C-alpha cells in the first residue's frame, strides 16, 4: 500500500494509523510512504519503521485553491 501526504507533517500520523489498522487485519501487508525530501515526514515515517521514498514536489502554475 502506498501512503502519501502533502509535506507539512500533519497528515503523517493519520496515515501511519491507517497502516497500523491495515496491518492488524492483514499482517502480510507491505507499505511504502512517498513524500517530499527534506521534510519532517521522512523522519517520522522512518522512526515508525516504514520504508519511504521521495518525489519532487509538483507546483501547478496559475492554480489558486481559493
PDB file of N, CA and C in Angstrom:
ATOM      1  N   UNK A   1       0.840  -1.143   0.000  1.00  0.00           N
ATOM      2  CA  UNK A   1       0.000   0.000   0.000  1.00  0.00           C
ATOM      3  C   UNK A   1       0.897   1.221   0.000  1.00  0.00           C
ATOM      4  N   UNK A   2       0.575   2.188  -0.828  1.00  0.00           N
ATOM      5  CA  UNK A   2       1.331   3.432  -0.867  1.00  0.00           C
ATOM      6  C   UNK A   2       0.620   4.459   0.004  1.00  0.00           C
ATOM      7  N   UNK A   3       1.387   5.075   0.892  1.00  0.00           N
ATOM      8  CA  UNK A   3       0.894   6.141   1.749  1.00  0.00           C
ATOM      9  C   UNK A   3       1.575   7.428   1.311  1.00  0.00           C
ATOM     10  N   UNK A   4       0.865   8.538   1.350  1.00  0.00           N
ATOM     11  CA  UNK A   4       1.466   9.808   0.975  1.00  0.00           C
ATOM     12  C   UNK A   4       0.713  10.952   1.612  1.00  0.00           C
ATOM     13  N   UNK A   5       1.228  12.149   1.454  1.00  0.00           N
ATOM     14  CA  UNK A   5       0.584  13.330   2.005  1.00  0.00           C
ATOM     15  C   UNK A   5       1.156  14.587   1.385  1.00  0.00           C
ATOM     16  N   UNK A   6       0.922  15.717   2.053  1.00  0.00           N
ATOM     17  CA  UNK A   6       1.245  16.993   1.449  1.00  0.00           C
ATOM     18  C   UNK A   6       2.554  17.644   1.829  1.00  0.00           C
ATOM     19  N   UNK A   7       3.346  17.050   2.690  1.00  0.00           N
ATOM     20  CA  UNK A   7       4.649  17.620   3.006  1.00  0.00           C
ATOM     21  C   UNK A   7       4.702  18.469   4.256  1.00  0.00           C
ATOM     22  N   UNK A   8       3.562  18.704   4.914  1.00  0.00           N
ATOM     23  CA  UNK A   8       3.571  19.544   6.105  1.00  0.00           C
ATOM     24  C   UNK A   8       3.786  18.742   7.380  1.00  0.00           C
ATOM     25  N   UNK A   9       3.570  17.457   7.345  1.00  0.00           N
ATOM     26  CA  UNK A   9       3.762  16.603   8.511  1.00  0.00           C
ATOM     27  C   UNK A   9       2.485  16.290   9.259  1.00  0.00           C
ATOM     28  N   UNK A  10       1.466  17.124   9.135  1.00  0.00           N
ATOM     29  CA  UNK A  10       0.226  16.910   9.867  1.00  0.00           C
ATOM     30  C   UNK A  10      -0.562  15.692   9.431  1.00  0.00           C
ATOM     31  N   UNK A  11      -0.298  15.208   8.269  1.00  0.00           N
ATOM     32  CA  UNK A  11      -1.008  14.050   7.716  1.00  0.00           C
ATOM     33  C   UNK A  11      -0.306  12.730   8.035  1.00  0.00           C
ATOM     34  N   UNK A  12       0.908  12.801   8.540  1.00  0.00           N
ATOM     35  CA  UNK A  12       1.711  11.586   8.703  1.00  0.00           C
ATOM     36  C   UNK A  12       1.121  10.653   9.742  1.00  0.00           C
ATOM     37  N   UNK A  13       0.800  11.146  10.923  1.00  0.00           N
ATOM     38  CA  UNK A  13       0.263  10.261  11.960  1.00  0.00           C
ATOM     39  C   UNK A  13      -1.049   9.608  11.562  1.00  0.00           C
ATOM     40  N   UNK A  14      -1.988  10.309  10.920  1.00  0.00           N
ATOM     41  CA  UNK A  14      -3.184   9.605  10.438  1.00  0.00           C
ATOM     42  C   UNK A  14      -2.857   8.516   9.406  1.00  0.00           C
ATOM     43  N   UNK A  15      -1.892   8.788   8.526  1.00  0.00           N
ATOM     44  CA  UNK A  15      -1.502   7.770   7.540  1.00  0.00           C
ATOM     45  C   UNK A  15      -0.889   6.557   8.227  1.00  0.00           C
ATOM     46  N   UNK A  16      -0.067   6.791   9.247  1.00  0.00           N
ATOM     47  CA  UNK A  16       0.534   5.676   9.974  1.00  0.00           C
ATOM     48  C   UNK A  16      -0.520   4.908  10.768  1.00  0.00           C
ATOM     49  N   UNK A  17      -1.523   5.595  11.284  1.00  0.00           N
ATOM     50  CA  UNK A  17      -2.611   4.915  11.994  1.00  0.00           C
ATOM     51  C   UNK A  17      -3.392   4.015  11.042  1.00  0.00           C
ATOM     52  N   UNK A  18      -3.595   4.473   9.825  1.00  0.00           N
ATOM     53  CA  UNK A  18      -4.260   3.638   8.817  1.00  0.00           C
ATOM     54  C   UNK A  18      -3.413   2.408   8.528  1.00  0.00           C
ATOM     55  N   UNK A  19      -2.105   2.609   8.374  1.00  0.00           N
ATOM     56  CA  UNK A  19      -1.211   1.477   8.117  1.00  0.00           C
ATOM     57  C   UNK A  19      -1.280   0.459   9.249  1.00  0.00           C
ATOM     58  N   UNK A  20      -1.288   0.924  10.481  1.00  0.00           N
ATOM     59  CA  UNK A  20      -1.364   0.008  11.631  1.00  0.00           C
ATOM     60  C   UNK A  20      -2.681  -0.762  11.628  1.00  0.00           C
ATOM     61  N   UNK A  21      -3.778  -0.098  11.312  1.00  0.00           N
ATOM     62  CA  UNK A  21      -5.081  -0.768  11.260  1.00  0.00           C
ATOM     63  C   UNK A  21      -5.111  -1.827  10.159  1.00  0.00           C
ATOM     64  N   UNK A  22      -4.521  -1.510   9.016  1.00  0.00           N
ATOM     65  CA  UNK A  22      -4.462  -2.489   7.922  1.00  0.00           C
ATOM     66  C   UNK A  22      -3.598  -3.670   8.335  1.00  0.00           C
ATOM     67  N   UNK A  23      -2.466  -3.408   8.999  1.00  0.00           N
ATOM     68  CA  UNK A  23      -1.583  -4.494   9.439  1.00  0.00           C
ATOM     69  C   UNK A  23      -2.274  -5.428  10.430  1.00  0.00           C
ATOM     70  N   UNK A  24      -3.133  -4.888  11.277  1.00  0.00           N
ATOM     71  CA  UNK A  24      -3.871  -5.732  12.226  1.00  0.00           C
ATOM     72  C   UNK A  24      -4.761  -6.729  11.496  1.00  0.00           C
ATOM     73  N   UNK A  25      -5.348  -6.296  10.404  1.00  0.00           N
ATOM     74  CA  UNK A  25      -6.255  -7.157   9.633  1.00  0.00           C
ATOM     75  C   UNK A  25      -5.524  -8.017   8.612  1.00  0.00           C
ATOM     76  N   UNK A  26      -4.369  -7.532   8.176  1.00  0.00           N
ATOM     77  CA  UNK A  26      -3.593  -8.238   7.161  1.00  0.00           C
ATOM     78  C   UNK A  26      -2.109  -8.119   7.517  1.00  0.00           C
ATOM     79  N   UNK A  27      -1.622  -9.019   8.379  1.00  0.00           N
ATOM     80  CA  UNK A  27      -0.234  -8.921   8.854  1.00  0.00           C
ATOM     81  C   UNK A  27       0.817  -8.963   7.745  1.00  0.00           C
ATOM     82  N   UNK A  28       0.481  -9.486   6.594  1.00  0.00           N
ATOM     83  CA  UNK A  28       1.436  -9.560   5.492  1.00  0.00           C
ATOM     84  C   UNK A  28       1.454  -8.322   4.606  1.00  0.00           C
ATOM     85  N   UNK A  29       0.644  -7.330   4.938  1.00  0.00           N
ATOM     86  CA  UNK A  29       0.577  -6.120   4.114  1.00  0.00           C
ATOM     87  C   UNK A  29       1.927  -5.401   4.124  1.00  0.00           C
ATOM     88  N   UNK A  30       2.269  -4.820   3.000  1.00  0.00           N
ATOM     89  CA  UNK A  30       3.509  -4.056   2.886  1.00  0.00           C
ATOM     90  C   UNK A  30       3.166  -2.613   2.548  1.00  0.00           C
ATOM     91  N   UNK A  31       4.013  -1.701   3.010  1.00  0.00           N
ATOM     92  CA  UNK A  31       3.731  -0.283   2.863  1.00  0.00           C
ATOM     93  C   UNK A  31       4.945   0.469   2.347  1.00  0.00           C
ATOM     94  N   UNK A  32       4.666   1.546   1.639  1.00  0.00           N
ATOM     95  CA  UNK A  32       5.696   2.482   1.201  1.00  0.00           C
ATOM     96  C   UNK A  32       5.113   3.878   1.355  1.00  0.00           C
ATOM     97  N   UNK A  33       5.807   4.715   2.084  1.00  0.00           N
ATOM     98  CA  UNK A  33       5.388   6.097   2.230  1.00  0.00           C
ATOM     99  C   UNK A  33       6.149   6.935   1.211  1.00  0.00           C
ATOM    100  N   UNK A  34       5.430   7.682   0.388  1.00  0.00           N
ATOM    101  CA  UNK A  34       6.051   8.545  -0.610  1.00  0.00           C
ATOM    102  C   UNK A  34       5.828   9.987  -0.181  1.00  0.00           C
ATOM    103  N   UNK A  35       6.922  10.709   0.011  1.00  0.00           N
ATOM    104  CA  UNK A  35       6.832  12.100   0.445  1.00  0.00           C
ATOM    105  C   UNK A  35       7.861  12.965  -0.240  1.00  0.00           C
ATOM    106  N   UNK A  36       8.011  14.169   0.291  1.00  0.00           N
ATOM    107  CA  UNK A  36       8.946  15.138  -0.267  1.00  0.00           C
ATOM    108  C   UNK A  36      10.222  15.112   0.567  1.00  0.00           C
ATOM    109  N   UNK A  37      11.364  15.122  -0.083  1.00  0.00           N
ATOM    110  CA  UNK A  37      12.632  15.069   0.650  1.00  0.00           C
ATOM    111  C   UNK A  37      12.835  16.331   1.481  1.00  0.00           C
ATOM    112  N   UNK A  38      13.523  16.158   2.599  1.00  0.00           N
ATOM    113  CA  UNK A  38      13.854  17.277   3.445  1.00  0.00           C
ATOM    114  C   UNK A  38      12.740  17.740   4.366  1.00  0.00           C
ATOM    115  N   UNK A  39      11.663  16.990   4.457  1.00  0.00           N
ATOM    116  CA  UNK A  39      10.544  17.373   5.313  1.00  0.00           C
ATOM    117  C   UNK A  39      10.490  16.448   6.529  1.00  0.00           C
ATOM    118  N   UNK A  40       9.773  16.870   7.544  1.00  0.00           N
ATOM    119  CA  UNK A  40       9.668  16.101   8.787  1.00  0.00           C
ATOM    120  C   UNK A  40       9.069  14.721   8.563  1.00  0.00           C
ATOM    121  N   UNK A  41       8.242  14.578   7.551  1.00  0.00           N
ATOM    122  CA  UNK A  41       7.571  13.306   7.316  1.00  0.00           C
ATOM    123  C   UNK A  41       8.554  12.159   7.126  1.00  0.00           C
ATOM    124  N   UNK A  42       9.682  12.402   6.483  1.00  0.00           N
ATOM    125  CA  UNK A  42      10.633  11.313   6.253  1.00  0.00           C
ATOM    126  C   UNK A  42      11.215  10.814   7.573  1.00  0.00           C
ATOM    127  N   UNK A  43      11.452  11.705   8.521  1.00  0.00           N
ATOM    128  CA  UNK A  43      11.970  11.311   9.834  1.00  0.00           C
ATOM    129  C   UNK A  43      10.911  10.538  10.607  1.00  0.00           C
ATOM    130  N   UNK A  44       9.691  11.044  10.621  1.00  0.00           N
ATOM    131  CA  UNK A  44       8.600  10.412  11.366  1.00  0.00           C
ATOM    132  C   UNK A  44       8.320   9.010  10.838  1.00  0.00           C
ATOM    133  N   UNK A  45       8.237   8.880   9.526  1.00  0.00           N
ATOM    134  CA  UNK A  45       7.928   7.581   8.908  1.00  0.00           C
ATOM    135  C   UNK A  45       9.047   6.580   9.167  1.00  0.00           C
ATOM    136  N   UNK A  46      10.289   7.009   9.031  1.00  0.00           N
ATOM    137  CA  UNK A  46      11.422   6.115   9.272  1.00  0.00           C
ATOM    138  C   UNK A  46      11.454   5.649  10.719  1.00  0.00           C
ATOM    139  N   UNK A  47      11.219   6.564  11.652  1.00  0.00           N
ATOM    140  CA  UNK A  47      11.200   6.193  13.070  1.00  0.00           C
ATOM    141  C   UNK A  47      10.076   5.215  13.385  1.00  0.00           C
ATOM    142  N   UNK A  48       8.991   5.272  12.623  1.00  0.00           N
ATOM    143  CA  UNK A  48       7.870   4.353  12.827  1.00  0.00           C
ATOM    144  C   UNK A  48       8.148   2.984  12.205  1.00  0.00           C
ATOM    145  N   UNK A  49       9.253   2.871  11.454  1.00  0.00           N
ATOM    146  CA  UNK A  49       9.643   1.584  10.901  1.00  0.00           C
ATOM    147  C   UNK A  49       9.114   1.277   9.510  1.00  0.00           C
ATOM    148  N   UNK A  50       8.647   2.290   8.817  1.00  0.00           N
ATOM    149  CA  UNK A  50       8.131   2.073   7.467  1.00  0.00           C
ATOM    150  C   UNK A  50       9.134   2.563   6.436  1.00  0.00           C
ATOM    151  N   UNK A  51       9.225   1.874   5.302  1.00  0.00           N
ATOM    152  CA  UNK A  51      10.109   2.354   4.248  1.00  0.00           C
ATOM    153  C   UNK A  51       9.511   3.605   3.611  1.00  0.00           C
ATOM    154  N   UNK A  52      10.394   4.453   3.092  1.00  0.00           N
ATOM    155  CA  UNK A  52       9.903   5.662   2.447  1.00  0.00           C
ATOM    156  C   UNK A  52      10.709   5.952   1.193  1.00  0.00           C
ATOM    157  N   UNK A  53      10.083   6.708   0.332  1.00  0.00           N
ATOM    158  CA  UNK A  53      10.716   7.170  -0.898  1.00  0.00           C
ATOM    159  C   UNK A  53      10.338   8.641  -1.059  1.00  0.00           C
ATOM    160  N   UNK A  54      11.099   9.361  -1.837  1.00  0.00           N
ATOM    161  CA  UNK A  54      10.782  10.767  -2.048  1.00  0.00           C
ATOM    162  C   UNK A  54      10.490  11.052  -3.509  1.00  0.00           C
ATOM    163  N   UNK A  55       9.759  12.125  -3.720  1.00  0.00           N
ATOM    164  CA  UNK A  55       9.490  12.594  -5.069  1.00  0.00           C
ATOM    165  C   UNK A  55       9.665  14.102  -5.081  1.00  0.00           C
ATOM    166  N   UNK A  56       9.788  14.650  -6.233  1.00  0.00           N
ATOM    167  CA  UNK A  56       9.909  16.097  -6.365  1.00  0.00           C
ATOM    168  C   UNK A  56       8.523  16.714  -6.183  1.00  0.00           C
ATOM    169  N   UNK A  57       8.442  17.837  -5.471  1.00  0.00           N
ATOM    170  CA  UNK A  57       7.132  18.484  -5.339  1.00  0.00           C
ATOM    171  C   UNK A  57       6.671  19.033  -6.686  1.00  0.00           C
ATOM    172  N   UNK A  58       5.393  18.971  -6.910  1.00  0.00           N
ATOM    173  CA  UNK A  58       4.813  19.450  -8.162  1.00  0.00           C
ATOM    174  C   UNK A  58       3.987  20.685  -7.856  1.00  0.00           C
ATOM    175  N   UNK A  59       4.282  21.767  -8.530  1.00  0.00           N
ATOM    176  CA  UNK A  59       3.548  23.009  -8.335  1.00  0.00           C
ATOM    177  C   UNK A  59       2.756  23.300  -9.600  1.00  0.00           C
ATOM    178  N   UNK A  60       1.490  23.590  -9.425  1.00  0.00           N
ATOM    179  CA  UNK A  60       0.629  23.906 -10.561  1.00  0.00           C
ATOM    180  C   UNK A  60       0.656  25.404 -10.795  1.00  0.00           C
ATOM    181  N   UNK A  61       1.143  25.792 -11.933  1.00  0.00           N
ATOM    182  CA  UNK A  61       1.196  27.210 -12.284  1.00  0.00           C
ATOM    183  C   UNK A  61      -0.217  27.764 -12.439  1.00  0.00           C
ATOM    184  N   UNK A  62      -0.435  28.933 -11.937  1.00  0.00           N
ATOM    185  CA  UNK A  62      -1.723  29.628 -12.025  1.00  0.00           C
ATOM    186  C   UNK A  62      -2.851  28.925 -11.283  1.00  0.00           C
ATOM    187  N   UNK A  63      -2.512  28.062 -10.343  1.00  0.00           N
ATOM    188  CA  UNK A  63      -3.544  27.380  -9.557  1.00  0.00           C
ATOM    189  C   UNK A  63      -3.792  28.151  -8.276  1.00  0.00           C
ATOM    190  N   UNK A  64      -5.028  28.512  -8.047  1.00  0.00           N
ATOM    191  CA  UNK A  64      -5.411  29.217  -6.829  1.00  0.00           C
ATOM    192  C   UNK A  64      -6.526  28.425  -6.158  1.00  0.00           C
ATOM    193  N   UNK A  65      -6.229  27.758  -5.051  1.00  0.00           N
ATOM    194  CA  UNK A  65      -7.226  26.891  -4.424  1.00  0.00           C
ATOM    195  C   UNK A  65      -8.357  27.632  -3.725  1.00  0.00           C
ATOM    196  N   UNK A  66      -8.285  28.951  -3.673  1.00  0.00           N
ATOM    197  CA  UNK A  66      -9.370  29.694  -3.014  1.00  0.00           C
ATOM    198  C   UNK A  66     -10.547  29.677  -3.880  1.00  0.00           C
TER     199      UNK A  66
END
